[in-house]
Protein backbone atom coordinates (compact mmCIF):
# COMPACT_ATOMS: atom_id res chain seq x y z
CA MET A 1 19.55 -126.97 -21.24
CA SER A 2 19.33 -124.10 -23.76
CA GLY A 3 17.03 -121.50 -24.95
CA ILE A 4 16.56 -121.04 -28.58
CA PHE A 5 14.61 -117.99 -30.48
CA GLY A 6 14.16 -117.24 -34.17
CA VAL A 7 12.46 -114.34 -36.02
CA ALA A 8 11.44 -113.77 -39.58
CA SER A 9 10.41 -110.09 -40.57
CA LYS A 10 9.52 -108.02 -43.71
CA THR A 11 11.96 -105.47 -42.17
CA ASP A 12 14.82 -105.54 -39.78
CA CYS A 13 14.42 -108.32 -37.00
CA MET A 14 17.12 -107.27 -34.50
CA LYS A 15 14.94 -105.94 -31.87
CA HIS A 16 12.98 -109.03 -31.76
CA LEU A 17 15.96 -111.19 -31.95
CA PHE A 18 17.78 -109.42 -29.40
CA TYR A 19 15.08 -109.12 -26.74
CA GLY A 20 13.51 -112.37 -27.62
CA THR A 21 16.72 -114.29 -27.02
CA ASP A 22 17.61 -112.19 -23.90
CA TYR A 23 14.28 -113.40 -22.45
CA LEU A 24 15.47 -116.84 -22.49
CA SER A 25 18.49 -115.94 -20.16
CA HIS A 26 17.29 -118.23 -17.50
CA LEU A 27 18.01 -121.33 -19.68
CA GLY A 28 21.67 -121.08 -19.73
CA THR A 29 24.86 -119.35 -18.37
CA GLN A 30 27.92 -120.25 -20.46
CA TYR A 31 27.33 -118.90 -24.04
CA GLY A 32 25.08 -116.52 -25.98
CA GLY A 33 24.96 -116.60 -29.78
CA ILE A 34 23.20 -115.13 -32.87
CA ALA A 35 23.27 -115.61 -36.42
CA VAL A 36 21.59 -113.09 -38.87
CA GLN A 37 20.87 -113.05 -42.66
CA THR A 38 22.20 -109.81 -43.70
CA ARG A 39 22.23 -108.26 -47.22
CA SER A 40 25.82 -109.20 -47.46
CA GLY A 41 25.45 -112.72 -46.20
CA MET A 42 25.16 -114.73 -43.01
CA VAL A 43 26.78 -113.22 -39.71
CA ARG A 44 27.46 -115.37 -36.63
CA LYS A 45 28.39 -113.98 -33.14
CA ILE A 46 29.25 -116.18 -30.20
CA ARG A 47 29.88 -114.85 -26.77
CA ASP A 48 30.92 -115.88 -23.32
CA ILE A 49 27.88 -114.91 -20.95
CA SER A 50 29.19 -116.64 -17.75
CA THR A 51 30.19 -113.19 -16.20
CA SER A 52 27.55 -110.90 -17.66
CA GLN A 53 24.39 -111.10 -19.36
CA PHE A 54 23.24 -111.71 -23.00
CA LYS A 55 22.12 -108.15 -23.40
CA SER A 56 25.32 -106.56 -22.59
CA LYS A 57 27.46 -108.64 -24.71
CA PHE A 58 25.44 -108.15 -27.82
CA GLU A 59 24.70 -104.53 -27.60
CA ASP A 60 27.00 -103.85 -30.43
CA GLU A 61 25.41 -106.31 -32.75
CA TYR A 62 21.90 -104.90 -32.02
CA ASP A 63 23.14 -101.52 -33.01
CA SER A 64 25.18 -102.67 -36.09
CA LEU A 65 23.56 -105.68 -37.65
CA GLU A 66 20.45 -105.51 -39.89
CA GLY A 67 18.50 -108.51 -41.39
CA LYS A 68 15.17 -109.98 -41.97
CA LEU A 69 16.02 -113.35 -40.62
CA GLY A 70 17.77 -114.19 -37.37
CA ILE A 71 18.26 -116.90 -34.70
CA GLY A 72 19.51 -116.52 -31.34
CA VAL A 73 20.57 -118.97 -28.27
CA ILE A 74 21.38 -118.92 -24.65
CA SER A 75 23.46 -122.11 -24.01
CA ALA A 76 24.27 -124.16 -20.92
CA SER A 77 27.12 -125.87 -22.39
CA ASP A 78 27.94 -126.03 -26.25
CA THR A 79 29.15 -123.00 -28.21
CA GLN A 80 26.54 -122.14 -30.84
CA PRO A 81 25.10 -121.11 -33.40
CA VAL A 82 27.05 -123.46 -35.51
CA PHE A 83 27.80 -122.43 -39.09
CA ILE A 84 28.16 -125.00 -41.93
CA HIS A 85 28.64 -124.77 -45.62
CA SER A 86 26.60 -127.65 -47.31
CA LYS A 87 25.54 -128.78 -50.89
CA TRP A 88 22.31 -126.90 -50.56
CA GLY A 89 24.06 -123.82 -49.19
CA PRO A 90 25.17 -122.17 -46.03
CA PHE A 91 23.28 -122.61 -42.83
CA ALA A 92 23.44 -121.92 -39.12
CA LEU A 93 22.11 -123.93 -36.32
CA VAL A 94 20.81 -123.64 -32.71
CA MET A 95 19.59 -126.56 -30.71
CA ASP A 96 18.08 -127.44 -27.15
CA GLY A 97 18.51 -130.95 -25.88
CA LEU A 98 20.90 -133.77 -25.38
CA VAL A 99 22.58 -136.27 -27.89
CA HIS A 100 23.40 -139.29 -25.70
CA ASN A 101 25.34 -141.07 -28.45
CA ALA A 102 27.33 -137.98 -29.58
CA GLU A 103 30.74 -139.64 -28.95
CA SER A 104 29.87 -142.79 -30.81
CA LEU A 105 28.40 -140.90 -33.68
CA MET A 106 31.34 -138.68 -33.95
CA GLN A 107 33.56 -141.73 -34.18
CA GLU A 108 31.38 -143.18 -36.73
CA MET A 109 31.48 -140.00 -38.67
CA LEU A 110 35.36 -139.69 -38.41
CA GLY A 111 35.53 -142.97 -40.14
CA ASP A 112 33.55 -141.60 -42.98
CA ARG A 113 36.03 -138.75 -43.32
CA TYR A 114 34.00 -136.07 -41.62
CA THR A 115 35.96 -133.61 -39.64
CA PHE A 116 35.06 -131.55 -36.48
CA SER A 117 36.19 -128.15 -35.51
CA GLU A 118 34.26 -127.52 -32.26
CA GLU A 119 34.57 -128.97 -28.93
CA THR A 120 32.71 -128.48 -25.58
CA HIS A 121 34.57 -129.23 -22.34
CA GLY A 122 36.99 -131.50 -24.32
CA GLY A 123 34.34 -133.61 -25.92
CA VAL A 124 32.24 -133.28 -28.90
CA ASN A 125 30.05 -130.33 -29.60
CA GLN A 126 26.82 -131.66 -30.09
CA VAL A 127 25.36 -128.74 -31.93
CA GLU A 128 28.23 -129.33 -34.58
CA LEU A 129 27.48 -133.06 -34.63
CA VAL A 130 23.79 -132.39 -35.55
CA ALA A 131 24.34 -129.69 -38.06
CA LYS A 132 26.85 -132.18 -39.84
CA LEU A 133 24.26 -134.93 -39.71
CA ILE A 134 21.60 -132.71 -41.26
CA SER A 135 24.12 -131.70 -44.03
CA HIS A 136 24.26 -135.34 -45.01
CA GLY A 137 20.62 -135.06 -46.43
CA GLU A 138 19.77 -134.23 -49.95
CA ASP A 139 17.88 -131.11 -48.67
CA ILE A 140 17.01 -129.67 -45.44
CA VAL A 141 14.03 -131.53 -44.59
CA SER A 142 15.64 -135.07 -45.49
CA GLY A 143 18.57 -134.02 -43.46
CA ILE A 144 16.55 -133.31 -40.31
CA ASP A 145 14.86 -136.64 -40.87
CA HIS A 146 18.22 -138.42 -41.24
CA MET A 147 19.51 -136.69 -38.15
CA TYR A 148 16.74 -137.76 -35.96
CA SER A 149 17.21 -141.33 -37.21
CA LYS A 150 20.52 -141.27 -35.88
CA ILE A 151 20.61 -139.55 -32.52
CA GLU A 152 19.60 -140.92 -29.15
CA GLY A 153 18.16 -138.42 -26.76
CA SER A 154 16.21 -135.35 -27.61
CA CYS A 155 16.76 -132.39 -29.93
CA SER A 156 14.57 -129.30 -30.73
CA LEU A 157 16.33 -126.95 -33.19
CA LEU A 158 16.35 -123.86 -35.38
CA LEU A 159 18.19 -123.77 -38.63
CA LEU A 160 18.72 -120.42 -40.51
CA HIS A 161 18.98 -120.65 -44.18
CA ASP A 162 18.66 -118.00 -46.85
CA ASP A 163 15.08 -119.07 -47.72
CA GLY A 164 13.98 -118.99 -43.93
CA ILE A 165 14.14 -120.33 -40.58
CA TYR A 166 13.36 -124.04 -40.34
CA ALA A 167 11.96 -124.94 -36.75
CA ALA A 168 11.91 -128.75 -35.71
CA ARG A 169 10.62 -129.85 -32.37
CA ALA A 170 11.94 -133.14 -31.19
CA PRO A 171 9.97 -136.18 -32.23
CA ASP A 172 9.42 -137.31 -28.48
CA GLY A 173 8.18 -133.79 -27.66
CA HIS A 174 10.71 -133.61 -24.66
CA THR A 175 11.46 -130.06 -25.32
CA ALA A 176 9.09 -127.46 -26.40
CA MET A 177 8.45 -125.07 -29.10
CA VAL A 178 6.17 -122.28 -29.54
CA LEU A 179 5.22 -120.19 -32.62
CA GLY A 180 4.13 -116.58 -32.38
CA GLU A 181 3.15 -113.73 -34.58
CA GLN A 182 2.96 -109.74 -34.59
CA ASP A 183 1.69 -108.10 -37.66
CA GLY A 184 3.46 -110.27 -40.11
CA ILE A 185 6.38 -110.73 -37.87
CA TYR A 186 6.93 -114.39 -37.08
CA SER A 187 8.81 -116.00 -34.18
CA VAL A 188 9.77 -119.45 -32.67
CA SER A 189 10.84 -119.79 -29.29
CA SER A 190 11.57 -122.39 -26.60
CA GLU A 191 9.44 -120.56 -24.22
CA SER A 192 6.43 -118.18 -24.66
CA CYS A 193 7.91 -115.70 -22.03
CA SER A 194 9.81 -114.24 -25.13
CA PHE A 195 6.60 -112.80 -26.55
CA PRO A 196 4.56 -110.48 -24.62
CA ASN A 197 6.66 -107.57 -24.16
CA LEU A 198 7.55 -107.66 -27.75
CA GLY A 199 3.70 -107.65 -28.49
CA ILE A 200 3.96 -111.19 -30.16
CA LYS A 201 0.86 -113.36 -29.77
CA THR A 202 1.11 -116.98 -29.40
CA LYS A 203 -0.16 -118.71 -32.50
CA LYS A 204 0.40 -122.34 -31.75
CA TYR A 205 2.69 -124.87 -29.88
CA LEU A 206 4.69 -127.37 -32.27
CA MET A 207 3.87 -130.86 -31.99
CA PRO A 208 6.33 -133.44 -31.41
CA GLY A 209 8.11 -134.08 -34.90
CA GLU A 210 6.49 -131.13 -36.43
CA VAL A 211 8.59 -129.18 -38.71
CA ILE A 212 7.73 -125.55 -40.05
CA LYS A 213 9.74 -122.88 -42.05
CA ILE A 214 9.04 -119.15 -41.49
CA ASN A 215 10.10 -116.16 -43.66
CA ASP A 216 8.85 -112.78 -44.69
CA SER A 217 6.10 -114.41 -46.62
CA GLY A 218 4.76 -116.31 -43.75
CA ILE A 219 4.56 -119.87 -42.24
CA VAL A 220 5.25 -122.90 -44.47
CA GLN A 221 4.02 -126.25 -43.05
CA ILE A 222 6.90 -128.74 -43.77
CA LYS A 223 5.98 -131.64 -41.73
CA ASP A 224 2.94 -132.45 -39.44
CA GLY A 225 3.63 -133.53 -35.69
CA ASP A 226 2.18 -136.33 -33.91
CA PRO A 227 0.52 -135.30 -30.69
CA GLN A 228 0.51 -139.01 -29.58
CA CYS A 229 4.15 -138.94 -29.03
CA ASN A 230 4.28 -136.27 -26.75
CA LYS A 231 6.49 -136.76 -23.76
CA ILE A 232 7.02 -133.21 -22.60
CA CYS A 233 9.40 -132.66 -19.69
CA ALA A 234 7.24 -132.13 -16.44
CA PHE A 235 10.21 -130.35 -14.84
CA LEU A 236 9.59 -127.41 -17.19
CA TRP A 237 6.60 -126.45 -14.91
CA VAL A 238 8.33 -127.29 -11.58
CA TYR A 239 11.46 -125.52 -12.23
CA THR A 240 13.06 -124.98 -15.69
CA GLY A 241 10.46 -122.64 -17.16
CA PHE A 242 10.10 -119.16 -16.58
CA PRO A 243 6.82 -118.12 -14.51
CA ALA A 244 5.47 -116.15 -17.33
CA SER A 245 5.76 -118.92 -19.82
CA THR A 246 3.14 -121.50 -20.95
CA PHE A 247 3.85 -125.06 -22.29
CA GLU A 248 0.90 -126.73 -24.31
CA GLY A 249 -1.18 -123.82 -23.26
CA ILE A 250 -0.67 -124.59 -19.33
CA SER A 251 0.71 -121.72 -17.24
CA THR A 252 3.96 -122.34 -15.44
CA GLU A 253 3.09 -120.05 -12.55
CA VAL A 254 -0.67 -121.54 -12.15
CA VAL A 255 0.96 -125.16 -12.08
CA ARG A 256 3.56 -123.93 -9.28
CA GLU A 257 0.60 -122.54 -7.39
CA ASN A 258 -1.13 -125.93 -7.67
CA CYS A 259 1.82 -127.71 -6.61
CA GLY A 260 2.11 -125.57 -3.35
CA LYS A 261 -1.76 -126.14 -2.73
CA ALA A 262 -1.32 -129.94 -3.13
CA LEU A 263 1.63 -130.05 -0.54
CA ALA A 264 -0.52 -127.72 1.81
CA ARG A 265 -3.38 -130.36 1.70
CA ARG A 266 -1.32 -133.13 2.83
CA ASP A 267 0.58 -131.25 5.53
CA THR A 268 -0.46 -131.16 9.14
CA VAL A 269 2.65 -128.86 10.37
CA GLU A 270 2.09 -125.86 12.62
CA ALA A 271 4.08 -123.03 11.60
CA ASP A 272 4.16 -119.23 11.44
CA MET A 273 4.62 -118.38 7.78
CA ALA A 274 4.81 -119.96 4.38
CA ALA A 275 7.86 -119.08 2.12
CA GLY A 276 9.43 -120.04 -1.20
CA VAL A 277 13.11 -120.34 -2.17
CA PRO A 278 13.67 -117.50 -4.79
CA ASP A 279 12.90 -117.33 -7.64
CA SER A 280 11.56 -120.89 -8.77
CA GLY A 281 10.11 -121.76 -5.35
CA LEU A 282 7.85 -118.55 -4.93
CA GLY A 283 4.93 -119.79 -6.93
CA HIS A 284 5.00 -123.03 -5.03
CA GLY A 285 5.09 -120.89 -1.62
CA ILE A 286 2.32 -118.66 -2.71
CA GLY A 287 0.01 -121.76 -3.51
CA TYR A 288 0.94 -123.24 -0.14
CA SER A 289 -0.01 -119.96 1.64
CA HIS A 290 -3.34 -119.76 -0.03
CA GLU A 291 -4.48 -123.25 0.56
CA SER A 292 -2.98 -123.50 4.28
CA GLY A 293 -3.90 -120.12 5.50
CA LEU A 294 -0.50 -119.40 6.58
CA PRO A 295 0.77 -115.91 5.84
CA TYR A 296 3.16 -115.65 2.87
CA ARG A 297 6.54 -113.99 3.75
CA ARG A 298 9.96 -113.59 2.41
CA PRO A 299 12.76 -114.54 4.76
CA LEU A 300 15.09 -114.87 1.72
CA VAL A 301 15.37 -112.48 -1.09
CA LYS A 302 17.46 -112.85 -4.32
CA TYR A 303 19.70 -109.95 -5.10
CA THR A 304 19.48 -109.60 -8.68
CA ALA A 305 18.77 -111.68 -11.73
CA GLY A 306 22.63 -111.35 -12.76
CA TYR A 307 23.55 -114.15 -10.42
CA GLY A 308 21.44 -116.48 -12.52
CA ARG A 309 20.46 -120.16 -11.76
CA SER A 310 22.79 -122.14 -9.41
CA TYR A 311 21.45 -125.28 -11.07
CA THR A 312 22.97 -124.73 -14.57
CA PRO A 313 26.62 -124.03 -14.28
CA PRO A 314 28.74 -127.16 -15.12
CA THR A 315 31.04 -127.06 -12.18
CA GLN A 316 30.17 -127.63 -8.37
CA ASP A 317 32.24 -124.70 -7.42
CA LYS A 318 30.46 -122.37 -9.59
CA ARG A 319 27.05 -123.77 -8.46
CA ASP A 320 28.04 -123.21 -4.90
CA LEU A 321 29.33 -119.76 -5.44
CA ILE A 322 26.19 -118.74 -7.08
CA ALA A 323 24.18 -120.28 -4.32
CA GLN A 324 25.97 -118.60 -1.56
CA MET A 325 26.03 -115.10 -3.13
CA LYS A 326 22.46 -114.77 -4.61
CA LEU A 327 20.32 -115.18 -1.55
CA ILE A 328 20.11 -112.84 1.43
CA PRO A 329 18.36 -113.56 4.73
CA ILE A 330 16.25 -111.05 6.40
CA GLU A 331 16.78 -111.72 9.99
CA GLU A 332 13.87 -109.54 11.20
CA VAL A 333 11.55 -112.00 9.26
CA ILE A 334 13.19 -115.18 10.13
CA LYS A 335 13.96 -114.66 13.96
CA GLY A 336 11.99 -116.81 16.24
CA ASN A 337 9.64 -117.89 13.52
CA ARG A 338 8.55 -121.65 12.35
CA ILE A 339 8.95 -121.66 8.63
CA VAL A 340 7.47 -123.65 5.86
CA LEU A 341 9.81 -123.38 2.99
CA MET A 342 8.74 -124.47 -0.45
CA GLU A 343 11.66 -125.45 -2.80
CA ASP A 344 11.19 -126.59 -6.53
CA SER A 345 13.00 -129.57 -5.97
CA ILE A 346 16.19 -130.97 -4.32
CA VAL A 347 18.82 -132.30 -6.57
CA ARG A 348 22.27 -132.78 -5.07
CA GLY A 349 21.00 -131.04 -1.75
CA THR A 350 24.38 -129.49 -1.18
CA GLN A 351 23.04 -125.81 -2.05
CA LEU A 352 19.68 -126.14 -0.11
CA LYS A 353 22.07 -127.42 2.99
CA ASN A 354 24.88 -125.32 2.94
CA PHE A 355 23.67 -121.94 1.60
CA THR A 356 19.78 -121.82 2.11
CA VAL A 357 18.86 -123.69 5.58
CA ILE A 358 22.10 -122.61 7.22
CA LYS A 359 21.08 -119.02 6.51
CA LEU A 360 17.74 -119.60 8.23
CA TRP A 361 19.18 -121.22 11.30
CA GLU A 362 21.89 -118.54 11.44
CA SER A 363 19.24 -115.86 11.30
CA GLY A 364 17.34 -117.22 14.38
CA ALA A 365 14.73 -119.62 12.89
CA LYS A 366 12.85 -121.62 15.34
CA GLU A 367 12.00 -124.53 12.90
CA VAL A 368 12.50 -125.05 9.17
CA HIS A 369 10.15 -127.40 7.40
CA VAL A 370 11.08 -127.98 3.62
CA ARG A 371 8.44 -128.87 1.21
CA PRO A 372 9.85 -129.84 -2.27
CA ALA A 373 7.18 -129.41 -5.08
CA CYS A 374 8.22 -132.59 -6.65
CA PRO A 375 8.98 -136.11 -5.58
CA PRO A 376 12.64 -137.19 -4.88
CA LEU A 377 14.85 -137.18 -7.99
CA MET A 378 16.06 -140.84 -8.60
CA PHE A 379 17.42 -141.00 -12.22
CA PRO A 380 19.64 -138.69 -14.20
CA CYS A 381 17.88 -136.71 -17.04
CA ARG A 382 18.32 -138.62 -20.28
CA TYR A 383 17.23 -135.83 -22.49
CA ASN A 384 18.83 -132.58 -21.25
CA LEU A 385 21.75 -131.24 -19.28
CA SER A 386 20.47 -131.12 -15.93
CA THR A 387 21.41 -134.09 -13.53
CA ARG A 388 24.32 -135.92 -15.13
CA THR A 389 24.88 -139.00 -12.86
CA GLU A 390 23.13 -141.09 -10.08
CA SER A 391 25.77 -140.28 -7.55
CA GLU A 392 25.01 -136.49 -7.71
CA LEU A 393 21.52 -137.15 -6.37
CA VAL A 394 20.98 -137.02 -2.68
CA ALA A 395 18.12 -139.58 -2.71
CA ARG A 396 20.44 -141.87 -4.16
CA ARG A 397 23.27 -141.20 -1.64
CA ALA A 398 20.56 -141.90 0.97
CA ILE A 399 19.78 -145.32 -0.48
CA LYS A 400 23.26 -146.34 -0.79
CA ASP A 401 23.90 -145.32 2.97
CA ILE A 402 20.60 -147.17 4.13
CA GLU A 403 21.43 -150.34 2.25
CA GLY A 404 25.11 -150.36 2.45
CA GLU A 405 25.41 -150.62 -1.29
CA ARG A 406 23.68 -149.60 -4.44
CA PRO A 407 20.74 -151.98 -4.88
CA ASP A 408 19.39 -153.15 -8.00
CA ASP A 409 15.84 -152.69 -7.31
CA ILE A 410 14.85 -149.27 -5.66
CA SER A 411 10.95 -149.82 -6.28
CA GLU A 412 10.23 -149.49 -2.52
CA TYR A 413 12.00 -146.23 -2.38
CA LEU A 414 9.71 -144.80 -5.26
CA ASP A 415 6.46 -145.68 -3.17
CA PRO A 416 5.75 -142.73 -0.88
CA ASP A 417 3.73 -145.28 1.46
CA SER A 418 6.66 -147.77 2.05
CA GLU A 419 8.80 -147.92 4.96
CA LYS A 420 11.99 -147.72 2.91
CA TYR A 421 10.66 -144.43 1.44
CA LYS A 422 10.28 -142.98 4.88
CA LEU A 423 13.64 -144.02 5.83
CA MET A 424 15.26 -142.38 2.91
CA VAL A 425 13.29 -138.98 3.56
CA ASP A 426 14.32 -139.11 7.16
CA TRP A 427 17.91 -139.61 6.04
CA ILE A 428 17.67 -136.50 3.62
CA ALA A 429 16.22 -134.61 6.39
CA ARG A 430 18.89 -135.16 8.76
CA ASP A 431 21.65 -134.49 6.09
CA LEU A 432 20.11 -131.30 5.21
CA GLY A 433 19.62 -130.23 8.87
CA VAL A 434 15.89 -129.38 8.73
CA THR A 435 13.04 -130.08 11.27
CA THR A 436 10.96 -131.93 8.62
CA LEU A 437 11.09 -132.86 5.00
CA GLN A 438 7.97 -133.83 3.08
CA TYR A 439 8.12 -134.28 -0.73
CA GLN A 440 5.16 -133.78 -3.34
CA ARG A 441 3.71 -137.13 -4.42
CA LEU A 442 3.84 -137.82 -8.23
CA ASP A 443 0.25 -138.21 -8.80
CA ASP A 444 -0.33 -134.81 -7.15
CA LEU A 445 2.35 -133.24 -9.29
CA VAL A 446 0.73 -134.76 -12.40
CA GLU A 447 -2.59 -133.43 -11.33
CA ALA A 448 -1.16 -129.87 -10.63
CA ILE A 449 0.02 -130.01 -14.21
CA GLY A 450 -3.23 -131.06 -15.69
CA MET A 451 -1.95 -133.14 -18.58
CA PRO A 452 -2.45 -136.96 -18.88
CA LYS A 453 0.34 -138.83 -17.20
CA ASP A 454 1.11 -140.78 -20.46
CA LYS A 455 1.89 -137.21 -22.08
CA LEU A 456 4.56 -136.44 -19.68
CA CYS A 457 8.19 -137.23 -19.18
CA LEU A 458 8.57 -138.33 -15.63
CA HIS A 459 11.59 -140.25 -16.11
CA CYS A 460 13.77 -138.28 -13.19
CA TRP A 461 11.30 -139.37 -10.65
CA SER A 462 9.89 -142.74 -11.76
CA GLY A 463 12.72 -143.78 -14.38
CA GLU A 464 9.84 -144.18 -16.88
């Protein structure tokens, strides 16, 4: 999971590049990077942002660099941008996605006498891999086509060349790309939340497989996309996306409110308040409150945005530390009350159990009723760096404990009306130490988003 941003301007682009990239800080915690086409050539900078935010690490570049073209990235894993000298000139590349067959592709390319200089956590840097696949083409467009023909997974990218910024959305549409404009300044971003405070107006959402180029002369349509191929990640609305972002024209915050309303319509629990786990659970909690009539209160508050998301860091120790430190309980709100707590999702369950629910109990909660805004996560994500293995998922641990082994067929556990599904949810509730647990139904989630089911990627819940 990464956030990418590009801008083309008739004058200096640094203000838009600096703030536009910074507004994607919720999408990664490891590295930040920029590449700018200056008068003297292309300049690339990469910084470690694991201990401080993008804007503090790139303040010097904001003051010193100047150029009309620039790309930026907030990365959850790979160091980027990658810089490549190719037969059609130097270019820099940033990407969002996951290349499943990166290792096998690297071995194949090593056999063809390619070399690799970057690595990520001891393995191949998939951004460098994508860049070198693109450099194999006779030109940029044929290179992008060649890359998509080779990789398995999903990849949306921005490529900075001296003639402009090429933006390509993944052919399966799993990751999003949006184009904006402000008085002749053109921007492309992973999320539209980069736009409003810079005065940028959304112009269009790129279609799956679409390729465009932006420069100081405007927009060049390189390749049309295919809306029929769209399989956009539904998790963007549930958790990943920023509340102020829209995907395919659908507001993230409104979808989260719809999710909360759907949970409330199926709920019969008696309680004193509705609440959301900050930050991504807040919209879900507000929707639940509106539909149920329960007052919305804040038993837990997030200290600062500087702690970031506990979902994205690559190690469990780091995720646990952030989860422990970022949420502060308010005992005066919690004590003696029955709380319905909205969570965006339950992935591993460890953070909710050890660093959220326990704070409510220790602060005197009378009851804790947890309501995740999506169904149980059953399958690791195939298209981005979120869940990595089945064994991480609390629902899979529950199933293994109930069955005594890992079953080949889990279809009954996917059916919210089956007895095995109820056993699984009861197991998870006991493991979390909550009074009750009730998940969102998949059809309710799809309805809350408002897109046809066959246009959404629902793999992590259904396996499809």
